[in-house]
Structure formats: C-alpha cells, structure tokens
Amino acid sequence: MKKVVLNGVEIEVEIDDNALFSELKEALKSELEAQDKVITSVKNGEDEIFQNSMNACLDKPLKEFSTISITAETLEQISKRLFDNGINFLTKLRLEVLRVSDSFRTKSKEEAFNEFVAYVEGLQSIFELVDVLIKNPQIDFLGSVYDGRTGEMIIKDFTNLNKEVLLAQEGQDLILLADLLEYELSPSLDNLAGLLGVVSEIPPR
C-alpha cells in the first residue's frame, strides 16, 4: 500500500513500493476518469516534477518519493486556470508597458530600450496564447464580443499596433514609442484581457 495525497485528501493505493509512478497513475485511472479529471501536477515533497519533466516523473520509482501530492483537474478547471493566468499576465504586462513608456520619456535611450526588451519577450507569449485560443474548436474566440468589439477586431488592432511599435523602435523614435505604449498599446492589452474574461465565461460548444 502507498499513501498518496490526491487533491488535498490522503488516500491509500494498493501498489508495491518498488513500482514506478506510471503504474500508480494507471492504478488511479478509473477513479480519475469517473470524475472526468486528469493529472496536472505531481509534487515530490515540495518539488514539482510532473510539469517540469513528465517522462522523468512517470519513470520514477515510488520509493524515491518522500511524499506524493497529486493535483487532478477537469478540463473546465484547466481552461479556467489558463484563462485566469492569461488575464493576470496581460494585466502585469500592461503595467510594464506603462512603466517602459515613462522610461522612454525620463531615462536614457539605452536604459529605456533595455526595459523594452521585457515587453517584446512577453509579446511572444501573448501571440502563442492567442494562437492556441483561435485554434480551439470548443470556443469562438474571434467571434466573441467585448465592449462592443469582436475578438477578431481586438486581435487585428493589437497586431497592427505592435507593428507600429516595432517600426517606431527601428526608427529610434522615443517620443512616438512612449505615446504608442501609453495611449494605444496599454488600452489594447486591457481589451485583450477583457476578451479573455468574456471567453472564459462562455460554455464550451
């Protein structure tokens, strides 16, 4: 028997201590399927190992775990968490945009452009998230409406704005960059976060 903490509740699983985690996962399969849940996190003590290296976790002997804590979620819970994380990320990025805008007005060009790099790195994550949502057949991301505008319009404006920002960067136009970030891009990030909030509340089709 092996003691496991599953979603905060300690349970006992009839399995040999020399078994691999993959065998434990298989032993929990029917219980998780009955609840329409999948494993999204496994901790060995305080260390997250499932998300960091899924194969290494599956091949790990149970006797090498100090304690096993498993989180299993429904697809609805996973989607909700991803949307919430996306909204939080966009909110933080919007604050970063405002800070960088101020830097272009008050700091040296070198300092301001160094800070601008953080936005560009975050930008890639946004487009990856948007791409996943557009391709998800269970939601109508582009057809959803926030503040009277469809997702398609919001994404198009956001994409065009970023092209303007990158052109201003190439031209080293600090004043234009500061204005675009504060007056155009910041509200655009707000709209994108609002769109995610709307989509997260729509039942999957």
N, C-alpha and C. Protein backbone atom coordinates (compact mmCIF):
# COMPACT_ATOMS: atom_id res chain seq x y z
N MET A 1 0.84 -1.20 0.00
CA MET A 1 0.00 0.00 0.00
C MET A 1 0.88 1.25 0.00
N LYS A 2 0.41 2.27 -0.72
CA LYS A 2 1.16 3.52 -0.79
C LYS A 2 0.22 4.68 -0.48
N LYS A 3 0.65 5.54 0.45
CA LYS A 3 -0.15 6.72 0.78
C LYS A 3 0.13 7.83 -0.22
N VAL A 4 -0.97 8.42 -0.73
CA VAL A 4 -0.88 9.48 -1.72
C VAL A 4 -1.85 10.58 -1.33
N VAL A 5 -1.42 11.83 -1.51
CA VAL A 5 -2.33 12.95 -1.29
C VAL A 5 -2.89 13.35 -2.65
N LEU A 6 -4.20 13.12 -2.84
CA LEU A 6 -4.85 13.44 -4.11
C LEU A 6 -5.82 14.59 -3.90
N ASN A 7 -5.53 15.72 -4.51
CA ASN A 7 -6.34 16.93 -4.35
C ASN A 7 -6.60 17.26 -2.87
N GLY A 8 -5.52 17.14 -2.08
CA GLY A 8 -5.58 17.52 -0.68
C GLY A 8 -6.09 16.46 0.26
N VAL A 9 -6.50 15.30 -0.25
CA VAL A 9 -7.04 14.22 0.59
C VAL A 9 -6.09 13.03 0.55
N GLU A 10 -5.69 12.55 1.72
CA GLU A 10 -4.79 11.40 1.76
C GLU A 10 -5.56 10.12 1.50
N ILE A 11 -5.07 9.32 0.55
CA ILE A 11 -5.69 8.04 0.22
C ILE A 11 -4.61 6.97 0.20
N GLU A 12 -5.04 5.72 0.26
CA GLU A 12 -4.11 4.60 0.17
C GLU A 12 -4.36 3.85 -1.13
N VAL A 13 -3.29 3.61 -1.86
CA VAL A 13 -3.39 2.90 -3.14
C VAL A 13 -2.68 1.56 -2.99
N GLU A 14 -3.34 0.51 -3.43
CA GLU A 14 -2.76 -0.83 -3.33
C GLU A 14 -1.74 -1.01 -4.45
N ILE A 15 -0.50 -0.73 -4.13
CA ILE A 15 0.58 -0.82 -5.12
C ILE A 15 1.90 -1.02 -4.39
N ASP A 16 2.80 -1.74 -5.02
CA ASP A 16 4.10 -2.06 -4.42
C ASP A 16 4.99 -0.82 -4.41
N ASP A 17 5.80 -0.68 -3.37
CA ASP A 17 6.68 0.47 -3.23
C ASP A 17 7.76 0.50 -4.30
N ASN A 18 8.03 -0.65 -4.93
CA ASN A 18 9.05 -0.72 -5.99
C ASN A 18 8.48 -0.37 -7.36
N ALA A 19 7.16 -0.14 -7.41
CA ALA A 19 6.53 0.20 -8.69
C ALA A 19 6.95 1.60 -9.15
N LEU A 20 6.74 1.87 -10.43
CA LEU A 20 7.02 3.20 -10.98
C LEU A 20 5.80 4.09 -10.82
N PHE A 21 6.03 5.41 -10.93
CA PHE A 21 4.89 6.33 -10.83
C PHE A 21 3.87 6.07 -11.93
N SER A 22 4.33 5.65 -13.11
CA SER A 22 3.41 5.37 -14.21
C SER A 22 2.40 4.29 -13.82
N GLU A 23 2.82 3.34 -12.98
CA GLU A 23 1.91 2.29 -12.51
C GLU A 23 0.91 2.84 -11.50
N LEU A 24 1.36 3.78 -10.67
CA LEU A 24 0.45 4.45 -9.75
C LEU A 24 -0.59 5.24 -10.53
N LYS A 25 -0.14 5.92 -11.57
CA LYS A 25 -1.05 6.70 -12.43
C LYS A 25 -2.11 5.78 -13.04
N GLU A 26 -1.69 4.61 -13.46
CA GLU A 26 -2.62 3.65 -14.05
C GLU A 26 -3.61 3.14 -12.99
N ALA A 27 -3.12 2.97 -11.75
CA ALA A 27 -3.99 2.50 -10.67
C ALA A 27 -5.06 3.53 -10.32
N LEU A 28 -4.76 4.80 -10.54
CA LEU A 28 -5.72 5.87 -10.24
C LEU A 28 -6.62 6.19 -11.42
N LYS A 29 -6.36 5.55 -12.55
CA LYS A 29 -7.03 5.91 -13.80
C LYS A 29 -8.55 5.85 -13.72
N SER A 30 -9.09 4.76 -13.21
CA SER A 30 -10.56 4.61 -13.19
C SER A 30 -11.20 5.65 -12.27
N GLU A 31 -10.56 5.94 -11.12
CA GLU A 31 -11.10 6.94 -10.19
C GLU A 31 -11.09 8.32 -10.83
N LEU A 32 -10.01 8.67 -11.52
CA LEU A 32 -9.92 9.98 -12.15
C LEU A 32 -10.89 10.09 -13.33
N GLU A 33 -11.01 9.03 -14.10
CA GLU A 33 -11.93 9.05 -15.25
C GLU A 33 -13.38 9.20 -14.79
N ALA A 34 -13.70 8.62 -13.65
CA ALA A 34 -15.06 8.74 -13.12
C ALA A 34 -15.38 10.18 -12.76
N GLN A 35 -14.35 10.94 -12.43
CA GLN A 35 -14.54 12.36 -12.08
C GLN A 35 -14.23 13.28 -13.26
N ASP A 36 -13.93 12.70 -14.43
CA ASP A 36 -13.55 13.48 -15.62
C ASP A 36 -12.35 14.37 -15.35
N LYS A 37 -11.36 13.80 -14.64
CA LYS A 37 -10.18 14.60 -14.29
C LYS A 37 -8.91 13.98 -14.86
N VAL A 38 -7.92 14.84 -15.07
CA VAL A 38 -6.59 14.39 -15.49
C VAL A 38 -5.56 14.99 -14.54
N ILE A 39 -4.42 14.30 -14.42
CA ILE A 39 -3.36 14.78 -13.54
C ILE A 39 -2.66 15.98 -14.18
N THR A 40 -2.56 17.06 -13.42
CA THR A 40 -1.90 18.26 -13.93
C THR A 40 -0.67 18.65 -13.11
N SER A 41 -0.51 18.03 -11.95
CA SER A 41 0.65 18.38 -11.11
C SER A 41 0.98 17.21 -10.18
N VAL A 42 2.27 16.95 -10.04
CA VAL A 42 2.74 15.95 -9.07
C VAL A 42 3.92 16.55 -8.32
N LYS A 43 3.85 16.49 -7.01
CA LYS A 43 4.95 17.01 -6.19
C LYS A 43 5.59 15.87 -5.40
N ASN A 44 6.91 15.89 -5.38
CA ASN A 44 7.70 15.01 -4.53
C ASN A 44 8.14 15.86 -3.35
N GLY A 45 7.41 15.76 -2.25
CA GLY A 45 7.61 16.72 -1.16
C GLY A 45 7.10 18.06 -1.60
N GLU A 46 7.98 19.06 -1.68
CA GLU A 46 7.60 20.39 -2.14
C GLU A 46 7.99 20.65 -3.59
N ASP A 47 8.69 19.69 -4.20
CA ASP A 47 9.22 19.90 -5.55
C ASP A 47 8.25 19.42 -6.62
N GLU A 48 7.90 20.33 -7.53
CA GLU A 48 7.05 19.98 -8.67
C GLU A 48 7.89 19.19 -9.68
N ILE A 49 7.42 18.00 -10.06
CA ILE A 49 8.21 17.21 -11.01
C ILE A 49 7.43 16.81 -12.25
N PHE A 50 6.11 16.74 -12.17
CA PHE A 50 5.32 16.25 -13.32
C PHE A 50 5.34 17.24 -14.47
N GLN A 51 5.09 18.52 -14.16
CA GLN A 51 5.06 19.53 -15.21
C GLN A 51 6.46 19.84 -15.74
N ASN A 52 7.46 19.72 -14.86
CA ASN A 52 8.82 20.06 -15.26
C ASN A 52 9.43 18.98 -16.16
N SER A 53 9.13 17.72 -15.86
CA SER A 53 9.66 16.61 -16.66
C SER A 53 8.73 15.42 -16.52
N MET A 54 7.71 15.37 -17.38
CA MET A 54 6.68 14.36 -17.27
C MET A 54 7.24 12.94 -17.38
N ASN A 55 8.12 12.71 -18.36
CA ASN A 55 8.67 11.36 -18.55
C ASN A 55 9.51 10.92 -17.36
N ALA A 56 10.31 11.84 -16.84
CA ALA A 56 11.14 11.51 -15.67
C ALA A 56 10.26 11.16 -14.48
N CYS A 57 9.14 11.86 -14.36
CA CYS A 57 8.20 11.57 -13.27
C CYS A 57 7.59 10.18 -13.44
N LEU A 58 7.14 9.87 -14.65
CA LEU A 58 6.48 8.58 -14.91
C LEU A 58 7.43 7.41 -14.68
N ASP A 59 8.72 7.62 -14.94
CA ASP A 59 9.70 6.54 -14.79
C ASP A 59 10.30 6.47 -13.40
N LYS A 60 9.87 7.33 -12.51
CA LYS A 60 10.46 7.41 -11.17
C LYS A 60 9.87 6.33 -10.24
N PRO A 61 10.71 5.52 -9.58
CA PRO A 61 10.19 4.53 -8.61
C PRO A 61 9.52 5.22 -7.43
N LEU A 62 8.43 4.66 -6.96
CA LEU A 62 7.68 5.28 -5.86
C LEU A 62 8.52 5.40 -4.59
N LYS A 63 9.46 4.48 -4.41
CA LYS A 63 10.27 4.52 -3.19
C LYS A 63 11.20 5.74 -3.15
N GLU A 64 11.37 6.42 -4.30
CA GLU A 64 12.21 7.61 -4.34
C GLU A 64 11.45 8.89 -3.97
N PHE A 65 10.14 8.77 -3.77
CA PHE A 65 9.33 9.91 -3.35
C PHE A 65 9.35 10.01 -1.83
N SER A 66 9.48 11.25 -1.33
CA SER A 66 9.32 11.45 0.12
C SER A 66 7.83 11.43 0.44
N THR A 67 7.10 12.29 -0.21
CA THR A 67 5.62 12.25 -0.16
C THR A 67 5.13 12.52 -1.58
N ILE A 68 3.99 11.96 -1.93
CA ILE A 68 3.42 12.15 -3.27
C ILE A 68 2.15 12.97 -3.18
N SER A 69 2.18 14.15 -3.75
CA SER A 69 0.99 15.01 -3.78
C SER A 69 0.58 15.19 -5.23
N ILE A 70 -0.66 14.80 -5.54
CA ILE A 70 -1.15 14.84 -6.92
C ILE A 70 -2.32 15.81 -7.01
N THR A 71 -2.28 16.66 -8.02
CA THR A 71 -3.42 17.52 -8.33
C THR A 71 -4.03 17.03 -9.64
N ALA A 72 -5.33 16.79 -9.63
CA ALA A 72 -6.05 16.37 -10.83
C ALA A 72 -7.21 17.33 -11.05
N GLU A 73 -7.41 17.75 -12.29
CA GLU A 73 -8.43 18.75 -12.60
C GLU A 73 -9.29 18.32 -13.78
N THR A 74 -10.49 18.87 -13.82
CA THR A 74 -11.34 18.68 -15.00
C THR A 74 -10.84 19.61 -16.11
N LEU A 75 -11.24 19.33 -17.34
CA LEU A 75 -10.84 20.20 -18.45
C LEU A 75 -11.38 21.61 -18.24
N GLU A 76 -12.56 21.71 -17.62
CA GLU A 76 -13.13 23.03 -17.33
C GLU A 76 -12.25 23.79 -16.34
N GLN A 77 -11.76 23.10 -15.31
CA GLN A 77 -10.89 23.74 -14.33
C GLN A 77 -9.57 24.17 -14.97
N ILE A 78 -9.04 23.31 -15.84
CA ILE A 78 -7.78 23.63 -16.52
C ILE A 78 -7.95 24.86 -17.39
N SER A 79 -9.05 24.89 -18.15
CA SER A 79 -9.31 26.04 -19.03
C SER A 79 -9.46 27.32 -18.22
N LYS A 80 -10.19 27.23 -17.11
CA LYS A 80 -10.41 28.40 -16.26
C LYS A 80 -9.08 28.92 -15.72
N ARG A 81 -8.23 27.99 -15.29
CA ARG A 81 -6.92 28.40 -14.75
C ARG A 81 -6.08 29.06 -15.83
N LEU A 82 -6.09 28.49 -17.04
CA LEU A 82 -5.31 29.07 -18.13
C LEU A 82 -5.80 30.47 -18.48
N PHE A 83 -7.13 30.65 -18.50
CA PHE A 83 -7.69 31.98 -18.78
C PHE A 83 -7.29 32.96 -17.68
N ASP A 84 -7.42 32.54 -16.42
CA ASP A 84 -7.06 33.41 -15.30
C ASP A 84 -5.58 33.80 -15.36
N ASN A 85 -4.72 32.82 -15.68
CA ASN A 85 -3.29 33.11 -15.80
C ASN A 85 -3.03 34.09 -16.95
N GLY A 86 -3.76 33.90 -18.06
CA GLY A 86 -3.61 34.80 -19.20
C GLY A 86 -4.02 36.22 -18.85
N ILE A 87 -5.14 36.36 -18.14
CA ILE A 87 -5.62 37.69 -17.74
C ILE A 87 -4.62 38.35 -16.79
N ASN A 88 -4.11 37.58 -15.82
CA ASN A 88 -3.13 38.13 -14.88
C ASN A 88 -1.85 38.55 -15.61
N PHE A 89 -1.43 37.74 -16.58
CA PHE A 89 -0.23 38.06 -17.34
C PHE A 89 -0.42 39.35 -18.13
N LEU A 90 -1.57 39.49 -18.78
CA LEU A 90 -1.85 40.70 -19.57
C LEU A 90 -1.93 41.94 -18.67
N THR A 91 -2.50 41.78 -17.49
CA THR A 91 -2.61 42.89 -16.54
C THR A 91 -1.22 43.36 -16.11
N LYS A 92 -0.34 42.39 -15.79
CA LYS A 92 1.02 42.74 -15.39
C LYS A 92 1.80 43.36 -16.55
N LEU A 93 1.58 42.82 -17.75
CA LEU A 93 2.28 43.34 -18.92
C LEU A 93 1.84 44.77 -19.23
N ARG A 94 0.56 45.05 -19.00
CA ARG A 94 0.06 46.42 -19.21
C ARG A 94 0.76 47.40 -18.27
N LEU A 95 0.97 47.01 -17.02
CA LEU A 95 1.69 47.86 -16.07
C LEU A 95 3.14 48.04 -16.50
N GLU A 96 3.73 46.97 -17.05
CA GLU A 96 5.10 47.05 -17.56
C GLU A 96 5.18 48.01 -18.74
N VAL A 97 4.17 47.97 -19.61
CA VAL A 97 4.13 48.86 -20.77
C VAL A 97 4.09 50.32 -20.32
N LEU A 98 3.29 50.61 -19.32
CA LEU A 98 3.20 51.98 -18.81
C LEU A 98 4.53 52.42 -18.19
N ARG A 99 5.19 51.49 -17.52
CA ARG A 99 6.47 51.81 -16.90
C ARG A 99 7.53 52.09 -17.97
N VAL A 100 7.54 51.26 -19.02
CA VAL A 100 8.51 51.45 -20.11
C VAL A 100 8.22 52.75 -20.86
N SER A 101 6.93 53.05 -21.03
CA SER A 101 6.56 54.32 -21.67
C SER A 101 7.15 55.50 -20.91
N ASP A 102 7.04 55.45 -19.60
CA ASP A 102 7.61 56.52 -18.76
C ASP A 102 9.13 56.56 -18.89
N SER A 103 9.75 55.38 -19.03
CA SER A 103 11.21 55.32 -19.16
C SER A 103 11.68 55.99 -20.44
N PHE A 104 10.91 55.84 -21.52
CA PHE A 104 11.29 56.48 -22.78
C PHE A 104 11.25 58.01 -22.66
N ARG A 105 10.47 58.50 -21.70
CA ARG A 105 10.37 59.96 -21.52
C ARG A 105 11.38 60.49 -20.50
N THR A 106 11.80 59.63 -19.55
CA THR A 106 12.58 60.14 -18.43
C THR A 106 13.99 59.56 -18.30
N LYS A 107 14.26 58.41 -18.95
CA LYS A 107 15.56 57.77 -18.81
C LYS A 107 16.36 57.86 -20.10
N SER A 108 17.58 57.38 -20.03
CA SER A 108 18.42 57.38 -21.23
C SER A 108 17.86 56.37 -22.24
N LYS A 109 18.22 56.57 -23.48
CA LYS A 109 17.73 55.68 -24.55
C LYS A 109 18.13 54.23 -24.27
N GLU A 110 19.38 54.03 -23.80
CA GLU A 110 19.87 52.68 -23.55
C GLU A 110 19.06 51.99 -22.45
N GLU A 111 18.80 52.71 -21.36
CA GLU A 111 18.03 52.14 -20.25
C GLU A 111 16.61 51.79 -20.71
N ALA A 112 15.99 52.72 -21.44
CA ALA A 112 14.62 52.51 -21.88
C ALA A 112 14.50 51.32 -22.82
N PHE A 113 15.44 51.20 -23.75
CA PHE A 113 15.37 50.08 -24.70
C PHE A 113 15.66 48.75 -24.01
N ASN A 114 16.48 48.75 -22.98
CA ASN A 114 16.71 47.53 -22.20
C ASN A 114 15.42 47.06 -21.53
N GLU A 115 14.65 48.03 -21.02
CA GLU A 115 13.38 47.69 -20.38
C GLU A 115 12.35 47.26 -21.43
N PHE A 116 12.45 47.82 -22.61
CA PHE A 116 11.51 47.50 -23.69
C PHE A 116 11.62 46.02 -24.10
N VAL A 117 12.82 45.46 -23.94
CA VAL A 117 13.05 44.05 -24.29
C VAL A 117 12.09 43.14 -23.52
N ALA A 118 11.80 43.49 -22.27
CA ALA A 118 10.90 42.66 -21.45
C ALA A 118 9.50 42.60 -22.07
N TYR A 119 9.07 43.72 -22.65
CA TYR A 119 7.76 43.72 -23.32
C TYR A 119 7.78 42.83 -24.55
N VAL A 120 8.83 42.94 -25.34
CA VAL A 120 8.93 42.15 -26.58
C VAL A 120 8.92 40.65 -26.25
N GLU A 121 9.59 40.27 -25.17
CA GLU A 121 9.59 38.86 -24.76
C GLU A 121 8.19 38.42 -24.34
N GLY A 122 7.48 39.29 -23.63
CA GLY A 122 6.12 38.97 -23.22
C GLY A 122 5.18 38.91 -24.40
N LEU A 123 5.46 39.71 -25.40
CA LEU A 123 4.63 39.76 -26.60
C LEU A 123 4.54 38.39 -27.28
N GLN A 124 5.65 37.69 -27.34
CA GLN A 124 5.67 36.36 -27.96
C GLN A 124 4.73 35.41 -27.24
N SER A 125 4.70 35.49 -25.91
CA SER A 125 3.81 34.62 -25.12
C SER A 125 2.35 34.92 -25.42
N ILE A 126 2.04 36.20 -25.62
CA ILE A 126 0.65 36.59 -25.92
C ILE A 126 0.21 35.99 -27.25
N PHE A 127 1.04 36.12 -28.27
CA PHE A 127 0.67 35.60 -29.58
C PHE A 127 0.56 34.08 -29.58
N GLU A 128 1.37 33.42 -28.76
CA GLU A 128 1.26 31.96 -28.64
C GLU A 128 -0.07 31.59 -27.99
N LEU A 129 -0.47 32.33 -26.95
CA LEU A 129 -1.74 32.08 -26.28
C LEU A 129 -2.90 32.33 -27.23
N VAL A 130 -2.86 33.45 -27.94
CA VAL A 130 -3.93 33.79 -28.89
C VAL A 130 -4.06 32.71 -29.97
N ASP A 131 -2.93 32.22 -30.44
CA ASP A 131 -2.93 31.19 -31.48
C ASP A 131 -3.62 29.92 -30.98
N VAL A 132 -3.33 29.54 -29.74
CA VAL A 132 -3.96 28.35 -29.15
C VAL A 132 -5.47 28.54 -29.04
N LEU A 133 -5.90 29.73 -28.61
CA LEU A 133 -7.32 30.00 -28.43
C LEU A 133 -8.06 30.05 -29.76
N ILE A 134 -7.44 30.61 -30.78
CA ILE A 134 -8.06 30.67 -32.11
C ILE A 134 -8.27 29.27 -32.67
N LYS A 135 -7.31 28.38 -32.40
CA LYS A 135 -7.37 27.02 -32.95
C LYS A 135 -8.23 26.07 -32.12
N ASN A 136 -8.67 26.52 -30.94
CA ASN A 136 -9.51 25.66 -30.08
C ASN A 136 -10.92 25.57 -30.66
N PRO A 137 -11.34 24.37 -31.10
CA PRO A 137 -12.65 24.25 -31.73
C PRO A 137 -13.83 24.38 -30.76
N GLN A 138 -13.53 24.36 -29.45
CA GLN A 138 -14.61 24.41 -28.46
C GLN A 138 -15.03 25.84 -28.12
N ILE A 139 -14.27 26.81 -28.56
CA ILE A 139 -14.63 28.20 -28.27
C ILE A 139 -14.58 29.04 -29.55
N ASP A 140 -15.38 30.09 -29.58
CA ASP A 140 -15.38 31.02 -30.71
C ASP A 140 -14.65 32.28 -30.27
N PHE A 141 -13.33 32.18 -30.22
CA PHE A 141 -12.53 33.28 -29.69
C PHE A 141 -12.66 34.54 -30.54
N LEU A 142 -12.57 34.39 -31.86
CA LEU A 142 -12.61 35.56 -32.74
C LEU A 142 -14.01 36.15 -32.84
N GLY A 143 -15.04 35.33 -32.61
CA GLY A 143 -16.42 35.83 -32.71
C GLY A 143 -16.98 36.36 -31.41
N SER A 144 -16.28 36.12 -30.30
CA SER A 144 -16.75 36.62 -29.01
C SER A 144 -16.63 38.14 -28.96
N VAL A 145 -17.49 38.76 -28.16
CA VAL A 145 -17.57 40.23 -28.15
C VAL A 145 -17.22 40.78 -26.77
N TYR A 146 -16.34 41.77 -26.75
CA TYR A 146 -16.02 42.51 -25.53
C TYR A 146 -16.12 44.00 -25.83
N ASP A 147 -16.89 44.70 -25.03
CA ASP A 147 -17.04 46.16 -25.16
C ASP A 147 -17.44 46.57 -26.58
N GLY A 148 -18.35 45.78 -27.17
CA GLY A 148 -18.88 46.10 -28.49
C GLY A 148 -18.00 45.73 -29.66
N ARG A 149 -16.89 45.06 -29.40
CA ARG A 149 -15.96 44.70 -30.48
C ARG A 149 -15.68 43.19 -30.43
N THR A 150 -15.60 42.59 -31.60
CA THR A 150 -15.33 41.15 -31.67
C THR A 150 -13.87 40.86 -31.37
N GLY A 151 -13.62 39.60 -31.04
CA GLY A 151 -12.25 39.17 -30.80
C GLY A 151 -11.38 39.40 -32.03
N GLU A 152 -11.96 39.18 -33.21
CA GLU A 152 -11.21 39.37 -34.44
C GLU A 152 -10.73 40.81 -34.57
N MET A 153 -11.60 41.78 -34.24
CA MET A 153 -11.23 43.19 -34.32
C MET A 153 -10.17 43.54 -33.28
N ILE A 154 -10.33 43.01 -32.08
CA ILE A 154 -9.39 43.30 -30.99
C ILE A 154 -8.00 42.75 -31.33
N ILE A 155 -7.95 41.52 -31.85
CA ILE A 155 -6.67 40.91 -32.21
C ILE A 155 -6.03 41.65 -33.38
N LYS A 156 -6.85 42.04 -34.36
CA LYS A 156 -6.32 42.76 -35.53
C LYS A 156 -5.71 44.09 -35.10
N ASP A 157 -6.42 44.85 -34.24
CA ASP A 157 -5.90 46.13 -33.76
C ASP A 157 -4.61 45.93 -32.96
N PHE A 158 -4.61 44.90 -32.12
CA PHE A 158 -3.44 44.61 -31.29
C PHE A 158 -2.23 44.28 -32.16
N THR A 159 -2.46 43.47 -33.18
CA THR A 159 -1.37 43.08 -34.10
C THR A 159 -0.83 44.29 -34.85
N ASN A 160 -1.74 45.13 -35.37
CA ASN A 160 -1.31 46.32 -36.12
C ASN A 160 -0.57 47.30 -35.23
N LEU A 161 -1.02 47.44 -33.98
CA LEU A 161 -0.36 48.34 -33.04
C LEU A 161 1.07 47.90 -32.77
N ASN A 162 1.25 46.60 -32.64
CA ASN A 162 2.60 46.10 -32.36
C ASN A 162 3.52 46.31 -33.55
N LYS A 163 2.97 46.27 -34.76
CA LYS A 163 3.77 46.58 -35.94
C LYS A 163 4.23 48.03 -35.89
N GLU A 164 3.31 48.93 -35.47
CA GLU A 164 3.67 50.35 -35.34
C GLU A 164 4.75 50.55 -34.29
N VAL A 165 4.60 49.82 -33.18
CA VAL A 165 5.57 49.94 -32.08
C VAL A 165 6.95 49.48 -32.55
N LEU A 166 7.00 48.37 -33.26
CA LEU A 166 8.29 47.85 -33.73
C LEU A 166 8.92 48.77 -34.78
N LEU A 167 8.08 49.40 -35.61
CA LEU A 167 8.59 50.37 -36.58
C LEU A 167 9.18 51.58 -35.86
N ALA A 168 8.48 52.05 -34.81
CA ALA A 168 8.99 53.18 -34.03
C ALA A 168 10.29 52.81 -33.34
N GLN A 169 10.40 51.54 -32.91
CA GLN A 169 11.64 51.06 -32.30
C GLN A 169 12.78 51.10 -33.31
N GLU A 170 12.50 50.60 -34.52
CA GLU A 170 13.53 50.60 -35.56
C GLU A 170 13.97 52.03 -35.90
N GLY A 171 13.04 52.97 -35.85
CA GLY A 171 13.37 54.36 -36.15
C GLY A 171 13.92 55.12 -34.97
N GLN A 172 14.03 54.44 -33.81
CA GLN A 172 14.57 55.06 -32.59
C GLN A 172 13.78 56.32 -32.20
N ASP A 173 12.47 56.31 -32.48
CA ASP A 173 11.62 57.47 -32.18
C ASP A 173 11.07 57.30 -30.76
N LEU A 174 11.77 57.87 -29.79
CA LEU A 174 11.43 57.65 -28.39
C LEU A 174 10.07 58.25 -28.01
N ILE A 175 9.79 59.45 -28.52
CA ILE A 175 8.52 60.11 -28.18
C ILE A 175 7.34 59.32 -28.74
N LEU A 176 7.46 58.89 -29.99
CA LEU A 176 6.39 58.09 -30.59
C LEU A 176 6.21 56.78 -29.85
N LEU A 177 7.32 56.15 -29.48
CA LEU A 177 7.24 54.89 -28.72
C LEU A 177 6.51 55.10 -27.40
N ALA A 178 6.88 56.14 -26.68
CA ALA A 178 6.24 56.42 -25.39
C ALA A 178 4.74 56.64 -25.56
N ASP A 179 4.36 57.40 -26.60
CA ASP A 179 2.94 57.68 -26.83
C ASP A 179 2.18 56.42 -27.25
N LEU A 180 2.77 55.62 -28.12
CA LEU A 180 2.11 54.38 -28.57
C LEU A 180 1.90 53.42 -27.40
N LEU A 181 2.91 53.29 -26.57
CA LEU A 181 2.81 52.38 -25.44
C LEU A 181 1.73 52.82 -24.45
N GLU A 182 1.74 54.11 -24.13
CA GLU A 182 0.81 54.60 -23.11
C GLU A 182 -0.62 54.73 -23.62
N TYR A 183 -0.79 55.35 -24.79
CA TYR A 183 -2.13 55.70 -25.24
C TYR A 183 -2.78 54.67 -26.17
N GLU A 184 -2.01 53.80 -26.77
CA GLU A 184 -2.57 52.83 -27.71
C GLU A 184 -2.43 51.39 -27.20
N LEU A 185 -1.21 51.02 -26.85
CA LEU A 185 -0.97 49.62 -26.51
C LEU A 185 -1.53 49.24 -25.14
N SER A 186 -1.42 50.13 -24.19
CA SER A 186 -1.96 49.84 -22.86
C SER A 186 -3.47 49.55 -22.90
N PRO A 187 -4.29 50.42 -23.55
CA PRO A 187 -5.72 50.10 -23.67
C PRO A 187 -5.96 48.82 -24.49
N SER A 188 -5.11 48.56 -25.48
CA SER A 188 -5.27 47.36 -26.30
C SER A 188 -5.05 46.09 -25.47
N LEU A 189 -4.07 46.12 -24.57
CA LEU A 189 -3.85 44.99 -23.66
C LEU A 189 -5.04 44.81 -22.72
N ASP A 190 -5.62 45.94 -22.29
CA ASP A 190 -6.82 45.91 -21.45
C ASP A 190 -7.97 45.23 -22.18
N ASN A 191 -8.14 45.56 -23.45
CA ASN A 191 -9.20 44.96 -24.26
C ASN A 191 -8.99 43.45 -24.43
N LEU A 192 -7.74 43.07 -24.61
CA LEU A 192 -7.43 41.66 -24.79
C LEU A 192 -7.71 40.87 -23.50
N ALA A 193 -7.37 41.47 -22.37
CA ALA A 193 -7.67 40.83 -21.08
C ALA A 193 -9.18 40.72 -20.88
N GLY A 194 -9.91 41.78 -21.26
CA GLY A 194 -11.37 41.75 -21.15
C GLY A 194 -11.97 40.68 -22.03
N LEU A 195 -11.42 40.51 -23.23
CA LEU A 195 -11.90 39.47 -24.15
C LEU A 195 -11.68 38.09 -23.55
N LEU A 196 -10.52 37.86 -22.94
CA LEU A 196 -10.26 36.58 -22.29
C LEU A 196 -11.27 36.32 -21.18
N GLY A 197 -11.60 37.37 -20.44
CA GLY A 197 -12.59 37.24 -19.37
C GLY A 197 -13.95 36.82 -19.91
N VAL A 198 -14.36 37.42 -21.02
CA VAL A 198 -15.65 37.08 -21.65
C VAL A 198 -15.64 35.63 -22.13
N VAL A 199 -14.58 35.25 -22.83
CA VAL A 199 -14.49 33.90 -23.40
C VAL A 199 -14.46 32.84 -22.31
N SER A 200 -13.81 33.15 -21.19
CA SER A 200 -13.69 32.17 -20.10
C SER A 200 -15.05 31.84 -19.48
N GLU A 201 -16.03 32.74 -19.63
CA GLU A 201 -17.35 32.52 -19.05
C GLU A 201 -18.31 31.83 -20.02
N ILE A 202 -17.92 31.68 -21.28
CA ILE A 202 -18.80 31.06 -22.27
C ILE A 202 -18.64 29.55 -22.20
N PRO A 203 -19.74 28.79 -22.06
CA PRO A 203 -19.65 27.32 -22.01
C PRO A 203 -19.08 26.80 -23.32
N PRO A 204 -18.20 25.75 -23.24
CA PRO A 204 -17.64 25.15 -24.46
C PRO A 204 -18.75 24.64 -25.36
N ARG A 205 -18.56 24.75 -26.67
CA ARG A 205 -19.60 24.28 -27.58
C ARG A 205 -19.31 22.84 -28.03
